[in-house]
Amino acid sequence: MRNAEQYLEALRRHGLTETEDGFALTVQGFQKGSRRALALRDQGDPEAIRMLSLAPEDPARWEYCRCIQIDAFTAEVRRSGI
């Protein structure tokens, strides 16, 4: 049961929820993903530069942030063995 609790906590920390279609991004997840995108932009990442030029309500920007958060969540799960 501990792993299930840790898994749900990791989802929450990354601003994700699980749906039958995969992962959905919360507003908190969008904010965290946007901060990660800013760091990537500062490193010269062309995709982050392009995505951050979009309006915050643009679905492509939300999808980009969702992918960033899924990557971070997956890395944490692998690292921790949840």
PDB file of N, CA and C in Angstrom:
ATOM      1  N   MET A   1       0.826  -1.201   0.000  1.00  0.00           N
ATOM      2  CA  MET A   1       0.000   0.000   0.000  1.00  0.00           C
ATOM      3  C   MET A   1       0.863   1.256   0.000  1.00  0.00           C
ATOM      4  N   ARG A   2       2.025   1.195   0.601  1.00  0.00           N
ATOM      5  CA  ARG A   2       2.911   2.363   0.677  1.00  0.00           C
ATOM      6  C   ARG A   2       3.266   2.873  -0.715  1.00  0.00           C
ATOM      7  N   ASN A   3       3.562   1.965  -1.650  1.00  0.00           N
ATOM      8  CA  ASN A   3       3.906   2.386  -2.997  1.00  0.00           C
ATOM      9  C   ASN A   3       2.750   3.125  -3.674  1.00  0.00           C
ATOM     10  N   ALA A   4       1.524   2.678  -3.438  1.00  0.00           N
ATOM     11  CA  ALA A   4       0.364   3.353  -4.028  1.00  0.00           C
ATOM     12  C   ALA A   4       0.251   4.777  -3.486  1.00  0.00           C
ATOM     13  N   GLU A   5       0.482   4.948  -2.200  1.00  0.00           N
ATOM     14  CA  GLU A   5       0.432   6.278  -1.589  1.00  0.00           C
ATOM     15  C   GLU A   5       1.555   7.154  -2.134  1.00  0.00           C
ATOM     16  N   GLN A   6       2.737   6.591  -2.266  1.00  0.00           N
ATOM     17  CA  GLN A   6       3.876   7.346  -2.805  1.00  0.00           C
ATOM     18  C   GLN A   6       3.623   7.739  -4.255  1.00  0.00           C
ATOM     19  N   TYR A   7       3.034   6.836  -5.007  1.00  0.00           N
ATOM     20  CA  TYR A   7       2.712   7.094  -6.410  1.00  0.00           C
ATOM     21  C   TYR A   7       1.734   8.256  -6.526  1.00  0.00           C
ATOM     22  N   LEU A   8       0.677   8.230  -5.727  1.00  0.00           N
ATOM     23  CA  LEU A   8      -0.317   9.309  -5.756  1.00  0.00           C
ATOM     24  C   LEU A   8       0.287  10.633  -5.308  1.00  0.00           C
ATOM     25  N   GLU A   9       1.169  10.582  -4.317  1.00  0.00           N
ATOM     26  CA  GLU A   9       1.838  11.796  -3.854  1.00  0.00           C
ATOM     27  C   GLU A   9       2.746  12.356  -4.952  1.00  0.00           C
ATOM     28  N   ALA A  10       3.442  11.487  -5.667  1.00  0.00           N
ATOM     29  CA  ALA A  10       4.295  11.937  -6.771  1.00  0.00           C
ATOM     30  C   ALA A  10       3.446  12.562  -7.879  1.00  0.00           C
ATOM     31  N   LEU A  11       2.308  11.964  -8.181  1.00  0.00           N
ATOM     32  CA  LEU A  11       1.397  12.554  -9.168  1.00  0.00           C
ATOM     33  C   LEU A  11       0.998  13.965  -8.752  1.00  0.00           C
ATOM     34  N   ARG A  12       0.603  14.100  -7.503  1.00  0.00           N
ATOM     35  CA  ARG A  12       0.177  15.403  -6.988  1.00  0.00           C
ATOM     36  C   ARG A  12       1.323  16.411  -7.054  1.00  0.00           C
ATOM     37  N   ARG A  13       2.499  15.990  -6.650  1.00  0.00           N
ATOM     38  CA  ARG A  13       3.674  16.870  -6.650  1.00  0.00           C
ATOM     39  C   ARG A  13       3.983  17.410  -8.050  1.00  0.00           C
ATOM     40  N   HIS A  14       3.726  16.592  -9.061  1.00  0.00           N
ATOM     41  CA  HIS A  14       4.005  17.000 -10.437  1.00  0.00           C
ATOM     42  C   HIS A  14       2.797  17.634 -11.124  1.00  0.00           C
ATOM     43  N   GLY A  15       1.699  17.751 -10.392  1.00  0.00           N
ATOM     44  CA  GLY A  15       0.518  18.409 -10.946  1.00  0.00           C
ATOM     45  C   GLY A  15      -0.169  17.586 -12.019  1.00  0.00           C
ATOM     46  N   LEU A  16      -0.208  16.283 -11.800  1.00  0.00           N
ATOM     47  CA  LEU A  16      -0.846  15.376 -12.754  1.00  0.00           C
ATOM     48  C   LEU A  16      -1.955  14.593 -12.076  1.00  0.00           C
ATOM     49  N   THR A  17      -2.919  14.192 -12.865  1.00  0.00           N
ATOM     50  CA  THR A  17      -3.932  13.231 -12.429  1.00  0.00           C
ATOM     51  C   THR A  17      -3.978  12.136 -13.471  1.00  0.00           C
ATOM     52  N   GLU A  18      -4.412  10.960 -13.057  1.00  0.00           N
ATOM     53  CA  GLU A  18      -4.540   9.849 -13.997  1.00  0.00           C
ATOM     54  C   GLU A  18      -5.978   9.750 -14.468  1.00  0.00           C
ATOM     55  N   THR A  19      -6.132   9.575 -15.760  1.00  0.00           N
ATOM     56  CA  THR A  19      -7.448   9.349 -16.342  1.00  0.00           C
ATOM     57  C   THR A  19      -7.382   8.042 -17.114  1.00  0.00           C
ATOM     58  N   GLU A  20      -8.501   7.592 -17.622  1.00  0.00           N
ATOM     59  CA  GLU A  20      -8.471   6.354 -18.408  1.00  0.00           C
ATOM     60  C   GLU A  20      -7.718   6.543 -19.722  1.00  0.00           C
ATOM     61  N   ASP A  21      -7.513   7.787 -20.138  1.00  0.00           N
ATOM     62  CA  ASP A  21      -6.783   8.077 -21.371  1.00  0.00           C
ATOM     63  C   ASP A  21      -5.311   8.404 -21.139  1.00  0.00           C
ATOM     64  N   GLY A  22      -4.867   8.419 -19.887  1.00  0.00           N
ATOM     65  CA  GLY A  22      -3.477   8.752 -19.588  1.00  0.00           C
ATOM     66  C   GLY A  22      -3.391   9.766 -18.468  1.00  0.00           C
ATOM     67  N   PHE A  23      -2.505  10.716 -18.611  1.00  0.00           N
ATOM     68  CA  PHE A  23      -2.303  11.733 -17.592  1.00  0.00           C
ATOM     69  C   PHE A  23      -2.914  13.053 -18.021  1.00  0.00           C
ATOM     70  N   ALA A  24      -3.527  13.737 -17.056  1.00  0.00           N
ATOM     71  CA  ALA A  24      -4.064  15.079 -17.289  1.00  0.00           C
ATOM     72  C   ALA A  24      -3.280  16.046 -16.413  1.00  0.00           C
ATOM     73  N   LEU A  25      -3.165  17.263 -16.879  1.00  0.00           N
ATOM     74  CA  LEU A  25      -2.408  18.295 -16.195  1.00  0.00           C
ATOM     75  C   LEU A  25      -3.341  19.175 -15.374  1.00  0.00           C
ATOM     76  N   THR A  26      -2.956  19.441 -14.133  1.00  0.00           N
ATOM     77  CA  THR A  26      -3.705  20.374 -13.296  1.00  0.00           C
ATOM     78  C   THR A  26      -3.139  21.780 -13.520  1.00  0.00           C
ATOM     79  N   VAL A  27      -3.799  22.773 -12.970  1.00  0.00           N
ATOM     80  CA  VAL A  27      -3.286  24.138 -13.057  1.00  0.00           C
ATOM     81  C   VAL A  27      -1.917  24.212 -12.379  1.00  0.00           C
ATOM     82  N   GLN A  28      -1.780  23.548 -11.256  1.00  0.00           N
ATOM     83  CA  GLN A  28      -0.492  23.504 -10.553  1.00  0.00           C
ATOM     84  C   GLN A  28       0.572  22.865 -11.456  1.00  0.00           C
ATOM     85  N   GLY A  29       0.204  21.817 -12.159  1.00  0.00           N
ATOM     86  CA  GLY A  29       1.130  21.163 -13.075  1.00  0.00           C
ATOM     87  C   GLY A  29       1.531  22.075 -14.222  1.00  0.00           C
ATOM     88  N   PHE A  30       0.574  22.860 -14.711  1.00  0.00           N
ATOM     89  CA  PHE A  30       0.880  23.820 -15.771  1.00  0.00           C
ATOM     90  C   PHE A  30       1.886  24.853 -15.277  1.00  0.00           C
ATOM     91  N   GLN A  31       1.693  25.328 -14.055  1.00  0.00           N
ATOM     92  CA  GLN A  31       2.616  26.311 -13.480  1.00  0.00           C
ATOM     93  C   GLN A  31       4.011  25.717 -13.308  1.00  0.00           C
ATOM     94  N   LYS A  32       4.088  24.496 -12.810  1.00  0.00           N
ATOM     95  CA  LYS A  32       5.387  23.843 -12.632  1.00  0.00           C
ATOM     96  C   LYS A  32       6.037  23.564 -13.984  1.00  0.00           C
ATOM     97  N   GLY A  33       5.253  23.103 -14.937  1.00  0.00           N
ATOM     98  CA  GLY A  33       5.767  22.845 -16.273  1.00  0.00           C
ATOM     99  C   GLY A  33       6.273  24.122 -16.929  1.00  0.00           C
ATOM    100  N   SER A  34       5.573  25.222 -16.698  1.00  0.00           N
ATOM    101  CA  SER A  34       6.006  26.509 -17.249  1.00  0.00           C
ATOM    102  C   SER A  34       7.330  26.947 -16.636  1.00  0.00           C
ATOM    103  N   ARG A  35       7.500  26.708 -15.334  1.00  0.00           N
ATOM    104  CA  ARG A  35       8.779  27.050 -14.697  1.00  0.00           C
ATOM    105  C   ARG A  35       9.907  26.187 -15.260  1.00  0.00           C
ATOM    106  N   ARG A  36       9.616  24.917 -15.489  1.00  0.00           N
ATOM    107  CA  ARG A  36      10.632  24.048 -16.103  1.00  0.00           C
ATOM    108  C   ARG A  36      10.950  24.520 -17.519  1.00  0.00           C
ATOM    109  N   ALA A  37       9.924  24.923 -18.242  1.00  0.00           N
ATOM    110  CA  ALA A  37      10.132  25.416 -19.612  1.00  0.00           C
ATOM    111  C   ALA A  37      10.992  26.679 -19.600  1.00  0.00           C
ATOM    112  N   LEU A  38      10.807  27.541 -18.604  1.00  0.00           N
ATOM    113  CA  LEU A  38      11.646  28.739 -18.488  1.00  0.00           C
ATOM    114  C   LEU A  38      13.114  28.356 -18.310  1.00  0.00           C
ATOM    115  N   ALA A  39      13.362  27.351 -17.483  1.00  0.00           N
ATOM    116  CA  ALA A  39      14.739  26.888 -17.279  1.00  0.00           C
ATOM    117  C   ALA A  39      15.311  26.325 -18.580  1.00  0.00           C
ATOM    118  N   LEU A  40      14.497  25.566 -19.306  1.00  0.00           N
ATOM    119  CA  LEU A  40      14.943  25.020 -20.591  1.00  0.00           C
ATOM    120  C   LEU A  40      15.200  26.140 -21.591  1.00  0.00           C
ATOM    121  N   ARG A  41      14.335  27.136 -21.595  1.00  0.00           N
ATOM    122  CA  ARG A  41      14.523  28.283 -22.491  1.00  0.00           C
ATOM    123  C   ARG A  41      15.832  28.987 -22.190  1.00  0.00           C
ATOM    124  N   ASP A  42      16.125  29.144 -20.896  1.00  0.00           N
ATOM    125  CA  ASP A  42      17.367  29.805 -20.494  1.00  0.00           C
ATOM    126  C   ASP A  42      18.602  29.012 -20.929  1.00  0.00           C
ATOM    127  N   GLN A  43      18.415  27.701 -21.146  1.00  0.00           N
ATOM    128  CA  GLN A  43      19.503  26.846 -21.633  1.00  0.00           C
ATOM    129  C   GLN A  43      19.550  26.831 -23.160  1.00  0.00           C
ATOM    130  N   GLY A  44      18.635  27.579 -23.787  1.00  0.00           N
ATOM    131  CA  GLY A  44      18.630  27.688 -25.244  1.00  0.00           C
ATOM    132  C   GLY A  44      17.807  26.648 -25.968  1.00  0.00           C
ATOM    133  N   ASP A  45      16.946  25.921 -25.257  1.00  0.00           N
ATOM    134  CA  ASP A  45      16.122  24.890 -25.889  1.00  0.00           C
ATOM    135  C   ASP A  45      15.127  25.539 -26.854  1.00  0.00           C
ATOM    136  N   PRO A  46      15.223  25.221 -28.164  1.00  0.00           N
ATOM    137  CA  PRO A  46      14.359  25.885 -29.152  1.00  0.00           C
ATOM    138  C   PRO A  46      12.869  25.574 -28.969  1.00  0.00           C
ATOM    139  N   GLU A  47      12.552  24.357 -28.545  1.00  0.00           N
ATOM    140  CA  GLU A  47      11.142  24.012 -28.344  1.00  0.00           C
ATOM    141  C   GLU A  47      10.555  24.814 -27.179  1.00  0.00           C
ATOM    142  N   ALA A  48      11.308  24.943 -26.099  1.00  0.00           N
ATOM    143  CA  ALA A  48      10.840  25.726 -24.955  1.00  0.00           C
ATOM    144  C   ALA A  48      10.657  27.191 -25.353  1.00  0.00           C
ATOM    145  N   ILE A  49      11.579  27.714 -26.140  1.00  0.00           N
ATOM    146  CA  ILE A  49      11.465  29.098 -26.611  1.00  0.00           C
ATOM    147  C   ILE A  49      10.175  29.272 -27.408  1.00  0.00           C
ATOM    148  N   ARG A  50       9.905  28.341 -28.302  1.00  0.00           N
ATOM    149  CA  ARG A  50       8.704  28.413 -29.150  1.00  0.00           C
ATOM    150  C   ARG A  50       7.425  28.266 -28.314  1.00  0.00           C
ATOM    151  N   MET A  51       7.410  27.330 -27.382  1.00  0.00           N
ATOM    152  CA  MET A  51       6.208  27.090 -26.574  1.00  0.00           C
ATOM    153  C   MET A  51       5.915  28.258 -25.643  1.00  0.00           C
ATOM    154  N   LEU A  52       6.949  28.852 -25.075  1.00  0.00           N
ATOM    155  CA  LEU A  52       6.732  29.978 -24.162  1.00  0.00           C
ATOM    156  C   LEU A  52       6.305  31.241 -24.888  1.00  0.00           C
ATOM    157  N   SER A  53       6.468  31.265 -26.202  1.00  0.00           N
ATOM    158  CA  SER A  53       5.985  32.423 -26.960  1.00  0.00           C
ATOM    159  C   SER A  53       4.475  32.345 -27.195  1.00  0.00           C
ATOM    160  N   LEU A  54       3.893  31.184 -26.940  1.00  0.00           N
ATOM    161  CA  LEU A  54       2.443  31.007 -27.089  1.00  0.00           C
ATOM    162  C   LEU A  54       1.718  31.581 -25.874  1.00  0.00           C
ATOM    163  N   ALA A  55       0.473  31.941 -26.063  1.00  0.00           N
ATOM    164  CA  ALA A  55      -0.356  32.439 -24.957  1.00  0.00           C
ATOM    165  C   ALA A  55      -0.555  31.323 -23.926  1.00  0.00           C
ATOM    166  N   PRO A  56      -0.663  31.679 -22.646  1.00  0.00           N
ATOM    167  CA  PRO A  56      -0.848  30.657 -21.608  1.00  0.00           C
ATOM    168  C   PRO A  56      -2.074  29.768 -21.826  1.00  0.00           C
ATOM    169  N   GLU A  57      -3.084  30.278 -22.504  1.00  0.00           N
ATOM    170  CA  GLU A  57      -4.292  29.459 -22.714  1.00  0.00           C
ATOM    171  C   GLU A  57      -4.208  28.598 -23.980  1.00  0.00           C
ATOM    172  N   ASP A  58      -3.127  28.692 -24.729  1.00  0.00           N
ATOM    173  CA  ASP A  58      -2.971  27.914 -25.960  1.00  0.00           C
ATOM    174  C   ASP A  58      -2.852  26.425 -25.623  1.00  0.00           C
ATOM    175  N   PRO A  59      -3.675  25.572 -26.239  1.00  0.00           N
ATOM    176  CA  PRO A  59      -3.622  24.134 -25.961  1.00  0.00           C
ATOM    177  C   PRO A  59      -2.247  23.511 -26.225  1.00  0.00           C
ATOM    178  N   ALA A  60      -1.503  24.020 -27.192  1.00  0.00           N
ATOM    179  CA  ALA A  60      -0.167  23.475 -27.474  1.00  0.00           C
ATOM    180  C   ALA A  60       0.779  23.735 -26.303  1.00  0.00           C
ATOM    181  N   ARG A  61       0.646  24.891 -25.673  1.00  0.00           N
ATOM    182  CA  ARG A  61       1.495  25.190 -24.513  1.00  0.00           C
ATOM    183  C   ARG A  61       1.137  24.289 -23.335  1.00  0.00           C
ATOM    184  N   TRP A  62      -0.143  24.039 -23.135  1.00  0.00           N
ATOM    185  CA  TRP A  62      -0.585  23.125 -22.081  1.00  0.00           C
ATOM    186  C   TRP A  62      -0.059  21.723 -22.347  1.00  0.00           C
ATOM    187  N   GLU A  63      -0.127  21.287 -23.585  1.00  0.00           N
ATOM    188  CA  GLU A  63       0.357  19.939 -23.927  1.00  0.00           C
ATOM    189  C   GLU A  63       1.864  19.843 -23.697  1.00  0.00           C
ATOM    190  N   TYR A  64       2.595  20.866 -24.051  1.00  0.00           N
ATOM    191  CA  TYR A  64       4.036  20.883 -23.821  1.00  0.00           C
ATOM    192  C   TYR A  64       4.329  20.759 -22.323  1.00  0.00           C
ATOM    193  N   CYS A  65       3.638  21.532 -21.509  1.00  0.00           N
ATOM    194  CA  CYS A  65       3.833  21.469 -20.061  1.00  0.00           C
ATOM    195  C   CYS A  65       3.436  20.098 -19.505  1.00  0.00           C
ATOM    196  N   ARG A  66       2.390  19.527 -20.055  1.00  0.00           N
ATOM    197  CA  ARG A  66       1.966  18.182 -19.631  1.00  0.00           C
ATOM    198  C   ARG A  66       3.082  17.182 -19.902  1.00  0.00           C
ATOM    199  N   CYS A  67       3.680  17.257 -21.069  1.00  0.00           N
ATOM    200  CA  CYS A  67       4.766  16.332 -21.429  1.00  0.00           C
ATOM    201  C   CYS A  67       5.979  16.528 -20.526  1.00  0.00           C
ATOM    202  N   ILE A  68       6.305  17.782 -20.221  1.00  0.00           N
ATOM    203  CA  ILE A  68       7.420  18.065 -19.314  1.00  0.00           C
ATOM    204  C   ILE A  68       7.151  17.431 -17.950  1.00  0.00           C
ATOM    205  N   GLN A  69       5.938  17.583 -17.467  1.00  0.00           N
ATOM    206  CA  GLN A  69       5.598  17.047 -16.151  1.00  0.00           C
ATOM    207  C   GLN A  69       5.548  15.518 -16.156  1.00  0.00           C
ATOM    208  N   ILE A  70       5.071  14.928 -17.226  1.00  0.00           N
ATOM    209  CA  ILE A  70       5.072  13.462 -17.325  1.00  0.00           C
ATOM    210  C   ILE A  70       6.504  12.948 -17.308  1.00  0.00           C
ATOM    211  N   ASP A  71       7.400  13.610 -18.031  1.00  0.00           N
ATOM    212  CA  ASP A  71       8.809  13.207 -18.028  1.00  0.00           C
ATOM    213  C   ASP A  71       9.400  13.287 -16.617  1.00  0.00           C
ATOM    214  N   ALA A  72       9.123  14.362 -15.909  1.00  0.00           N
ATOM    215  CA  ALA A  72       9.650  14.529 -14.550  1.00  0.00           C
ATOM    216  C   ALA A  72       9.058  13.479 -13.610  1.00  0.00           C
ATOM    217  N   PHE A  73       7.761  13.235 -13.729  1.00  0.00           N
ATOM    218  CA  PHE A  73       7.088  12.234 -12.898  1.00  0.00           C
ATOM    219  C   PHE A  73       7.673  10.851 -13.169  1.00  0.00           C
ATOM    220  N   THR A  74       7.821  10.494 -14.427  1.00  0.00           N
ATOM    221  CA  THR A  74       8.351   9.181 -14.796  1.00  0.00           C
ATOM    222  C   THR A  74       9.772   9.002 -14.275  1.00  0.00           C
ATOM    223  N   ALA A  75      10.581  10.038 -14.380  1.00  0.00           N
ATOM    224  CA  ALA A  75      11.952   9.963 -13.875  1.00  0.00           C
ATOM    225  C   ALA A  75      11.953   9.737 -12.352  1.00  0.00           C
ATOM    226  N   GLU A  76      11.072  10.430 -11.655  1.00  0.00           N
ATOM    227  CA  GLU A  76      11.007  10.243 -10.189  1.00  0.00           C
ATOM    228  C   GLU A  76      10.570   8.832  -9.845  1.00  0.00           C
ATOM    229  N   VAL A  77       9.572   8.308 -10.532  1.00  0.00           N
ATOM    230  CA  VAL A  77       9.072   6.961 -10.253  1.00  0.00           C
ATOM    231  C   VAL A  77      10.175   5.934 -10.503  1.00  0.00           C
ATOM    232  N   ARG A  78      10.894   6.083 -11.588  1.00  0.00           N
ATOM    233  CA  ARG A  78      11.993   5.143 -11.894  1.00  0.00           C
ATOM    234  C   ARG A  78      13.088   5.224 -10.844  1.00  0.00           C
ATOM    235  N   ARG A  79      13.463   6.454 -10.495  1.00  0.00           N
ATOM    236  CA  ARG A  79      14.542   6.667  -9.518  1.00  0.00           C
ATOM    237  C   ARG A  79      14.181   6.095  -8.156  1.00  0.00           C
ATOM    238  N   SER A  80      12.950   6.319  -7.742  1.00  0.00           N
ATOM    239  CA  SER A  80      12.541   5.934  -6.395  1.00  0.00           C
ATOM    240  C   SER A  80      12.037   4.493  -6.301  1.00  0.00           C
ATOM    241  N   GLY A  81      11.711   3.905  -7.444  1.00  0.00           N
ATOM    242  CA  GLY A  81      11.191   2.535  -7.429  1.00  0.00           C
ATOM    243  C   GLY A  81       9.764   2.426  -6.920  1.00  0.00           C
ATOM    244  N   ILE A  82       9.032   3.505  -7.012  1.00  0.00           N
ATOM    245  CA  ILE A  82       7.624   3.507  -6.562  1.00  0.00           C
ATOM    246  C   ILE A  82       6.847   2.483  -7.371  1.00  0.00           C
TER     247      ILE A  82
END
